[in-house]
Amino acid sequence: MLKSVDALRHVISGPLQDACGPQARMLTAEVHGTEVRGLALCPGRVVRFVMDEQLQRLQVADLLRLTKASRKPAA
């Protein structure tokens, strides 16, 4: 079980950067039994992550993603 914030940040940072790129930053993290859940900020998106501590498997899902404008200007 992870007990300190520094240990939690160290364990999550590697897999999070592998999944979202080197500019990914963890915003929140909570320990729920054997899982660590939280939010991260990646370039152009906000993601929710769930990491199983025993399997060391990280699941990432987009919550918010910036897109390019599909409309053309009126003028």
PDB file of N, CA and C in Angstrom:
ATOM      1  N   MET A   1       0.847  -1.187   0.000  1.00  0.00           N
ATOM      2  CA  MET A   1       0.000   0.000   0.000  1.00  0.00           C
ATOM      3  C   MET A   1       0.886   1.242   0.000  1.00  0.00           C
ATOM      4  N   LEU A   2       0.555   2.177  -0.844  1.00  0.00           N
ATOM      5  CA  LEU A   2       1.300   3.439  -0.914  1.00  0.00           C
ATOM      6  C   LEU A   2       0.842   4.345   0.219  1.00  0.00           C
ATOM      7  N   LYS A   3       1.793   4.920   0.933  1.00  0.00           N
ATOM      8  CA  LYS A   3       1.441   5.723   2.093  1.00  0.00           C
ATOM      9  C   LYS A   3       1.807   7.190   1.958  1.00  0.00           C
ATOM     10  N   SER A   4       2.839   7.517   1.201  1.00  0.00           N
ATOM     11  CA  SER A   4       3.243   8.915   1.114  1.00  0.00           C
ATOM     12  C   SER A   4       2.902   9.497  -0.258  1.00  0.00           C
ATOM     13  N   VAL A   5       2.760  10.791  -0.304  1.00  0.00           N
ATOM     14  CA  VAL A   5       2.449  11.490  -1.544  1.00  0.00           C
ATOM     15  C   VAL A   5       3.604  11.378  -2.534  1.00  0.00           C
ATOM     16  N   ASP A   6       4.820  11.458  -2.043  1.00  0.00           N
ATOM     17  CA  ASP A   6       5.987  11.354  -2.923  1.00  0.00           C
ATOM     18  C   ASP A   6       6.082   9.971  -3.559  1.00  0.00           C
ATOM     19  N   ALA A   7       5.811   8.933  -2.794  1.00  0.00           N
ATOM     20  CA  ALA A   7       5.844   7.570  -3.336  1.00  0.00           C
ATOM     21  C   ALA A   7       4.745   7.389  -4.374  1.00  0.00           C
ATOM     22  N   LEU A   8       3.587   7.935  -4.103  1.00  0.00           N
ATOM     23  CA  LEU A   8       2.469   7.860  -5.042  1.00  0.00           C
ATOM     24  C   LEU A   8       2.797   8.584  -6.339  1.00  0.00           C
ATOM     25  N   ARG A   9       3.344   9.769  -6.242  1.00  0.00           N
ATOM     26  CA  ARG A   9       3.726  10.553  -7.428  1.00  0.00           C
ATOM     27  C   ARG A   9       4.808   9.834  -8.236  1.00  0.00           C
ATOM     28  N   HIS A  10       5.745   9.203  -7.553  1.00  0.00           N
ATOM     29  CA  HIS A  10       6.829   8.479  -8.238  1.00  0.00           C
ATOM     30  C   HIS A  10       6.291   7.255  -8.991  1.00  0.00           C
ATOM     31  N   VAL A  11       5.384   6.521  -8.381  1.00  0.00           N
ATOM     32  CA  VAL A  11       4.830   5.318  -9.006  1.00  0.00           C
ATOM     33  C   VAL A  11       3.963   5.667 -10.211  1.00  0.00           C
ATOM     34  N   ILE A  12       3.195   6.734 -10.149  1.00  0.00           N
ATOM     35  CA  ILE A  12       2.263   7.108 -11.217  1.00  0.00           C
ATOM     36  C   ILE A  12       2.966   7.825 -12.368  1.00  0.00           C
ATOM     37  N   SER A  13       3.997   8.596 -12.107  1.00  0.00           N
ATOM     38  CA  SER A  13       4.577   9.461 -13.136  1.00  0.00           C
ATOM     39  C   SER A  13       5.112   8.697 -14.344  1.00  0.00           C
ATOM     40  N   GLY A  14       5.777   7.583 -14.145  1.00  0.00           N
ATOM     41  CA  GLY A  14       6.333   6.817 -15.268  1.00  0.00           C
ATOM     42  C   GLY A  14       5.273   6.296 -16.226  1.00  0.00           C
ATOM     43  N   PRO A  15       4.308   5.491 -15.735  1.00  0.00           N
ATOM     44  CA  PRO A  15       3.255   4.989 -16.625  1.00  0.00           C
ATOM     45  C   PRO A  15       2.390   6.096 -17.226  1.00  0.00           C
ATOM     46  N   LEU A  16       2.183   7.188 -16.486  1.00  0.00           N
ATOM     47  CA  LEU A  16       1.385   8.293 -17.009  1.00  0.00           C
ATOM     48  C   LEU A  16       2.101   8.978 -18.164  1.00  0.00           C
ATOM     49  N   GLN A  17       3.396   9.174 -18.053  1.00  0.00           N
ATOM     50  CA  GLN A  17       4.150   9.776 -19.146  1.00  0.00           C
ATOM     51  C   GLN A  17       4.238   8.841 -20.340  1.00  0.00           C
ATOM     52  N   ASP A  18       4.286   7.537 -20.115  1.00  0.00           N
ATOM     53  CA  ASP A  18       4.266   6.578 -21.220  1.00  0.00           C
ATOM     54  C   ASP A  18       2.942   6.637 -21.969  1.00  0.00           C
ATOM     55  N   ALA A  19       1.836   6.811 -21.250  1.00  0.00           N
ATOM     56  CA  ALA A  19       0.510   6.818 -21.871  1.00  0.00           C
ATOM     57  C   ALA A  19       0.158   8.158 -22.508  1.00  0.00           C
ATOM     58  N   CYS A  20       0.599   9.264 -21.899  1.00  0.00           N
ATOM     59  CA  CYS A  20       0.150  10.591 -22.346  1.00  0.00           C
ATOM     60  C   CYS A  20       1.258  11.494 -22.868  1.00  0.00           C
ATOM     61  N   GLY A  21       2.487  11.095 -22.767  1.00  0.00           N
ATOM     62  CA  GLY A  21       3.584  11.927 -23.248  1.00  0.00           C
ATOM     63  C   GLY A  21       4.372  12.544 -22.112  1.00  0.00           C
ATOM     64  N   PRO A  22       5.531  13.113 -22.439  1.00  0.00           N
ATOM     65  CA  PRO A  22       6.421  13.634 -21.393  1.00  0.00           C
ATOM     66  C   PRO A  22       5.919  14.888 -20.686  1.00  0.00           C
ATOM     67  N   GLN A  23       4.924  15.568 -21.230  1.00  0.00           N
ATOM     68  CA  GLN A  23       4.413  16.785 -20.597  1.00  0.00           C
ATOM     69  C   GLN A  23       3.219  16.516 -19.690  1.00  0.00           C
ATOM     70  N   ALA A  24       2.861  15.274 -19.461  1.00  0.00           N
ATOM     71  CA  ALA A  24       1.723  14.925 -18.608  1.00  0.00           C
ATOM     72  C   ALA A  24       2.024  15.296 -17.156  1.00  0.00           C
ATOM     73  N   ARG A  25       1.037  15.882 -16.495  1.00  0.00           N
ATOM     74  CA  ARG A  25       1.178  16.285 -15.097  1.00  0.00           C
ATOM     75  C   ARG A  25       0.001  15.762 -14.289  1.00  0.00           C
ATOM     76  N   MET A  26       0.289  15.114 -13.172  1.00  0.00           N
ATOM     77  CA  MET A  26      -0.751  14.605 -12.297  1.00  0.00           C
ATOM     78  C   MET A  26      -1.365  15.757 -11.503  1.00  0.00           C
ATOM     79  N   LEU A  27      -2.698  15.865 -11.536  1.00  0.00           N
ATOM     80  CA  LEU A  27      -3.391  16.911 -10.784  1.00  0.00           C
ATOM     81  C   LEU A  27      -3.848  16.395  -9.426  1.00  0.00           C
ATOM     82  N   THR A  28      -4.529  15.240  -9.418  1.00  0.00           N
ATOM     83  CA  THR A  28      -5.014  14.655  -8.176  1.00  0.00           C
ATOM     84  C   THR A  28      -4.724  13.168  -8.182  1.00  0.00           C
ATOM     85  N   ALA A  29      -4.688  12.583  -7.002  1.00  0.00           N
ATOM     86  CA  ALA A  29      -4.526  11.136  -6.860  1.00  0.00           C
ATOM     87  C   ALA A  29      -5.117  10.714  -5.523  1.00  0.00           C
ATOM     88  N   GLU A  30      -5.869   9.619  -5.542  1.00  0.00           N
ATOM     89  CA  GLU A  30      -6.476   9.072  -4.335  1.00  0.00           C
ATOM     90  C   GLU A  30      -6.264   7.570  -4.319  1.00  0.00           C
ATOM     91  N   VAL A  31      -5.972   7.027  -3.158  1.00  0.00           N
ATOM     92  CA  VAL A  31      -5.803   5.590  -3.012  1.00  0.00           C
ATOM     93  C   VAL A  31      -7.141   5.002  -2.572  1.00  0.00           C
ATOM     94  N   HIS A  32      -7.621   4.004  -3.325  1.00  0.00           N
ATOM     95  CA  HIS A  32      -8.854   3.293  -3.032  1.00  0.00           C
ATOM     96  C   HIS A  32      -8.533   1.800  -3.008  1.00  0.00           C
ATOM     97  N   GLY A  33      -8.194   1.283  -1.844  1.00  0.00           N
ATOM     98  CA  GLY A  33      -7.815  -0.126  -1.739  1.00  0.00           C
ATOM     99  C   GLY A  33      -6.522  -0.385  -2.478  1.00  0.00           C
ATOM    100  N   THR A  34      -6.581  -1.223  -3.521  1.00  0.00           N
ATOM    101  CA  THR A  34      -5.382  -1.524  -4.306  1.00  0.00           C
ATOM    102  C   THR A  34      -5.289  -0.663  -5.557  1.00  0.00           C
ATOM    103  N   GLU A  35      -6.203   0.290  -5.730  1.00  0.00           N
ATOM    104  CA  GLU A  35      -6.203   1.166  -6.909  1.00  0.00           C
ATOM    105  C   GLU A  35      -5.796   2.577  -6.528  1.00  0.00           C
ATOM    106  N   VAL A  36      -5.185   3.248  -7.486  1.00  0.00           N
ATOM    107  CA  VAL A  36      -4.906   4.677  -7.365  1.00  0.00           C
ATOM    108  C   VAL A  36      -5.682   5.351  -8.481  1.00  0.00           C
ATOM    109  N   ARG A  37      -6.553   6.298  -8.136  1.00  0.00           N
ATOM    110  CA  ARG A  37      -7.385   7.002  -9.111  1.00  0.00           C
ATOM    111  C   ARG A  37      -7.067   8.484  -9.056  1.00  0.00           C
ATOM    112  N   GLY A  38      -7.180   9.145 -10.208  1.00  0.00           N
ATOM    113  CA  GLY A  38      -6.923  10.570 -10.214  1.00  0.00           C
ATOM    114  C   GLY A  38      -7.116  11.216 -11.561  1.00  0.00           C
ATOM    115  N   LEU A  39      -6.754  12.491 -11.620  1.00  0.00           N
ATOM    116  CA  LEU A  39      -6.844  13.290 -12.835  1.00  0.00           C
ATOM    117  C   LEU A  39      -5.452  13.759 -13.224  1.00  0.00           C
ATOM    118  N   ALA A  40      -5.260  13.886 -14.531  1.00  0.00           N
ATOM    119  CA  ALA A  40      -3.981  14.375 -15.038  1.00  0.00           C
ATOM    120  C   ALA A  40      -4.235  15.356 -16.173  1.00  0.00           C
ATOM    121  N   LEU A  41      -3.317  16.282 -16.332  1.00  0.00           N
ATOM    122  CA  LEU A  41      -3.369  17.269 -17.398  1.00  0.00           C
ATOM    123  C   LEU A  41      -2.316  16.910 -18.432  1.00  0.00           C
ATOM    124  N   CYS A  42      -2.766  16.685 -19.652  1.00  0.00           N
ATOM    125  CA  CYS A  42      -1.880  16.357 -20.770  1.00  0.00           C
ATOM    126  C   CYS A  42      -2.061  17.453 -21.818  1.00  0.00           C
ATOM    127  N   PRO A  43      -1.136  17.612 -22.736  1.00  0.00           N
ATOM    128  CA  PRO A  43      -1.297  18.648 -23.758  1.00  0.00           C
ATOM    129  C   PRO A  43      -2.607  18.470 -24.543  1.00  0.00           C
ATOM    130  N   GLY A  44      -3.515  19.420 -24.389  1.00  0.00           N
ATOM    131  CA  GLY A  44      -4.774  19.407 -25.125  1.00  0.00           C
ATOM    132  C   GLY A  44      -5.878  18.577 -24.524  1.00  0.00           C
ATOM    133  N   ARG A  45      -5.663  18.009 -23.335  1.00  0.00           N
ATOM    134  CA  ARG A  45      -6.722  17.189 -22.752  1.00  0.00           C
ATOM    135  C   ARG A  45      -6.547  17.007 -21.249  1.00  0.00           C
ATOM    136  N   VAL A  46      -7.655  16.658 -20.616  1.00  0.00           N
ATOM    137  CA  VAL A  46      -7.678  16.286 -19.205  1.00  0.00           C
ATOM    138  C   VAL A  46      -8.113  14.832 -19.170  1.00  0.00           C
ATOM    139  N   VAL A  47      -7.354  14.004 -18.458  1.00  0.00           N
ATOM    140  CA  VAL A  47      -7.640  12.575 -18.436  1.00  0.00           C
ATOM    141  C   VAL A  47      -7.868  12.091 -17.003  1.00  0.00           C
ATOM    142  N   ARG A  48      -8.647  11.011 -16.915  1.00  0.00           N
ATOM    143  CA  ARG A  48      -8.855  10.304 -15.662  1.00  0.00           C
ATOM    144  C   ARG A  48      -8.020   9.036 -15.745  1.00  0.00           C
ATOM    145  N   PHE A  49      -7.283   8.723 -14.684  1.00  0.00           N
ATOM    146  CA  PHE A  49      -6.487   7.500 -14.700  1.00  0.00           C
ATOM    147  C   PHE A  49      -6.831   6.621 -13.516  1.00  0.00           C
ATOM    148  N   VAL A  50      -6.686   5.320 -13.728  1.00  0.00           N
ATOM    149  CA  VAL A  50      -6.859   4.312 -12.687  1.00  0.00           C
ATOM    150  C   VAL A  50      -5.684   3.359 -12.812  1.00  0.00           C
ATOM    151  N   MET A  51      -4.942   3.201 -11.734  1.00  0.00           N
ATOM    152  CA  MET A  51      -3.796   2.295 -11.760  1.00  0.00           C
ATOM    153  C   MET A  51      -3.995   1.217 -10.710  1.00  0.00           C
ATOM    154  N   ASP A  52      -3.902  -0.024 -11.145  1.00  0.00           N
ATOM    155  CA  ASP A  52      -3.978  -1.156 -10.239  1.00  0.00           C
ATOM    156  C   ASP A  52      -2.592  -1.376  -9.660  1.00  0.00           C
ATOM    157  N   GLU A  53      -2.466  -1.263  -8.357  1.00  0.00           N
ATOM    158  CA  GLU A  53      -1.151  -1.335  -7.710  1.00  0.00           C
ATOM    159  C   GLU A  53      -0.517  -2.711  -7.866  1.00  0.00           C
ATOM    160  N   GLN A  54      -1.298  -3.762  -7.814  1.00  0.00           N
ATOM    161  CA  GLN A  54      -0.741  -5.109  -7.893  1.00  0.00           C
ATOM    162  C   GLN A  54      -0.284  -5.458  -9.302  1.00  0.00           C
ATOM    163  N   LEU A  55      -1.069  -5.088 -10.319  1.00  0.00           N
ATOM    164  CA  LEU A  55      -0.728  -5.420 -11.700  1.00  0.00           C
ATOM    165  C   LEU A  55       0.140  -4.356 -12.368  1.00  0.00           C
ATOM    166  N   GLN A  56       0.260  -3.173 -11.742  1.00  0.00           N
ATOM    167  CA  GLN A  56       0.999  -2.045 -12.311  1.00  0.00           C
ATOM    168  C   GLN A  56       0.457  -1.695 -13.702  1.00  0.00           C
ATOM    169  N   ARG A  57      -0.869  -1.742 -13.852  1.00  0.00           N
ATOM    170  CA  ARG A  57      -1.519  -1.442 -15.126  1.00  0.00           C
ATOM    171  C   ARG A  57      -2.257  -0.111 -14.989  1.00  0.00           C
ATOM    172  N   LEU A  58      -2.022   0.788 -15.930  1.00  0.00           N
ATOM    173  CA  LEU A  58      -2.635   2.115 -15.923  1.00  0.00           C
ATOM    174  C   LEU A  58      -3.689   2.192 -17.022  1.00  0.00           C
ATOM    175  N   GLN A  59      -4.898   2.590 -16.643  1.00  0.00           N
ATOM    176  CA  GLN A  59      -5.972   2.821 -17.607  1.00  0.00           C
ATOM    177  C   GLN A  59      -6.231   4.319 -17.658  1.00  0.00           C
ATOM    178  N   VAL A  60      -6.324   4.858 -18.871  1.00  0.00           N
ATOM    179  CA  VAL A  60      -6.510   6.295 -19.066  1.00  0.00           C
ATOM    180  C   VAL A  60      -7.748   6.529 -19.912  1.00  0.00           C
ATOM    181  N   ALA A  61      -8.596   7.491 -19.491  1.00  0.00           N
ATOM    182  CA  ALA A  61      -9.796   7.856 -20.251  1.00  0.00           C
ATOM    183  C   ALA A  61      -9.873   9.377 -20.336  1.00  0.00           C
ATOM    184  N   ASP A  62     -10.157   9.896 -21.530  1.00  0.00           N
ATOM    185  CA  ASP A  62     -10.281  11.345 -21.722  1.00  0.00           C
ATOM    186  C   ASP A  62     -11.554  11.864 -21.057  1.00  0.00           C
ATOM    187  N   LEU A  63     -11.433  12.955 -20.315  1.00  0.00           N
ATOM    188  CA  LEU A  63     -12.585  13.653 -19.770  1.00  0.00           C
ATOM    189  C   LEU A  63     -12.887  14.903 -20.584  1.00  0.00           C
ATOM    190  N   LEU A  64     -11.837  15.565 -21.022  1.00  0.00           N
ATOM    191  CA  LEU A  64     -11.975  16.796 -21.790  1.00  0.00           C
ATOM    192  C   LEU A  64     -10.871  16.824 -22.826  1.00  0.00           C
ATOM    193  N   ARG A  65     -11.233  17.125 -24.063  1.00  0.00           N
ATOM    194  CA  ARG A  65     -10.244  17.157 -25.144  1.00  0.00           C
ATOM    195  C   ARG A  65     -10.491  18.398 -25.995  1.00  0.00           C
ATOM    196  N   LEU A  66      -9.428  19.138 -26.279  1.00  0.00           N
ATOM    197  CA  LEU A  66      -9.533  20.291 -27.157  1.00  0.00           C
ATOM    198  C   LEU A  66      -9.548  19.813 -28.603  1.00  0.00           C
ATOM    199  N   THR A  67     -10.396  20.405 -29.402  1.00  0.00           N
ATOM    200  CA  THR A  67     -10.477  20.044 -30.813  1.00  0.00           C
ATOM    201  C   THR A  67     -10.273  21.281 -31.662  1.00  0.00           C
ATOM    202  N   LYS A  68      -9.984  21.074 -32.917  1.00  0.00           N
ATOM    203  CA  LYS A  68      -9.858  22.188 -33.847  1.00  0.00           C
ATOM    204  C   LYS A  68     -11.255  22.648 -34.256  1.00  0.00           C
ATOM    205  N   ALA A  69     -11.381  23.931 -34.552  1.00  0.00           N
ATOM    206  CA  ALA A  69     -12.659  24.490 -34.968  1.00  0.00           C
ATOM    207  C   ALA A  69     -13.082  23.912 -36.311  1.00  0.00           C
ATOM    208  N   SER A  70     -14.336  23.523 -36.400  1.00  0.00           N
ATOM    209  CA  SER A  70     -14.827  22.955 -37.661  1.00  0.00           C
ATOM    210  C   SER A  70     -15.566  24.004 -38.498  1.00  0.00           C
ATOM    211  N   ARG A  71     -15.857  25.153 -37.901  1.00  0.00           N
ATOM    212  CA  ARG A  71     -16.570  26.206 -38.634  1.00  0.00           C
ATOM    213  C   ARG A  71     -15.594  27.152 -39.288  1.00  0.00           C
ATOM    214  N   LYS A  72     -16.002  27.691 -40.400  1.00  0.00           N
ATOM    215  CA  LYS A  72     -15.209  28.729 -41.075  1.00  0.00           C
ATOM    216  C   LYS A  72     -15.710  30.083 -40.641  1.00  0.00           C
ATOM    217  N   PRO A  73     -14.822  31.080 -40.569  1.00  0.00           N
ATOM    218  CA  PRO A  73     -15.264  32.415 -40.188  1.00  0.00           C
ATOM    219  C   PRO A  73     -16.271  32.989 -41.198  1.00  0.00           C
ATOM    220  N   ALA A  74     -17.180  33.817 -40.709  1.00  0.00           N
ATOM    221  CA  ALA A  74     -18.227  34.371 -41.559  1.00  0.00           C
ATOM    222  C   ALA A  74     -17.677  35.384 -42.571  1.00  0.00           C
ATOM    223  N   ALA A  75     -16.659  36.089 -42.210  1.00  0.00           N
ATOM    224  CA  ALA A  75     -16.154  37.132 -43.102  1.00  0.00           C
ATOM    225  C   ALA A  75     -14.987  36.721 -43.915  1.00  0.00           C
TER     226      ALA A  75
END
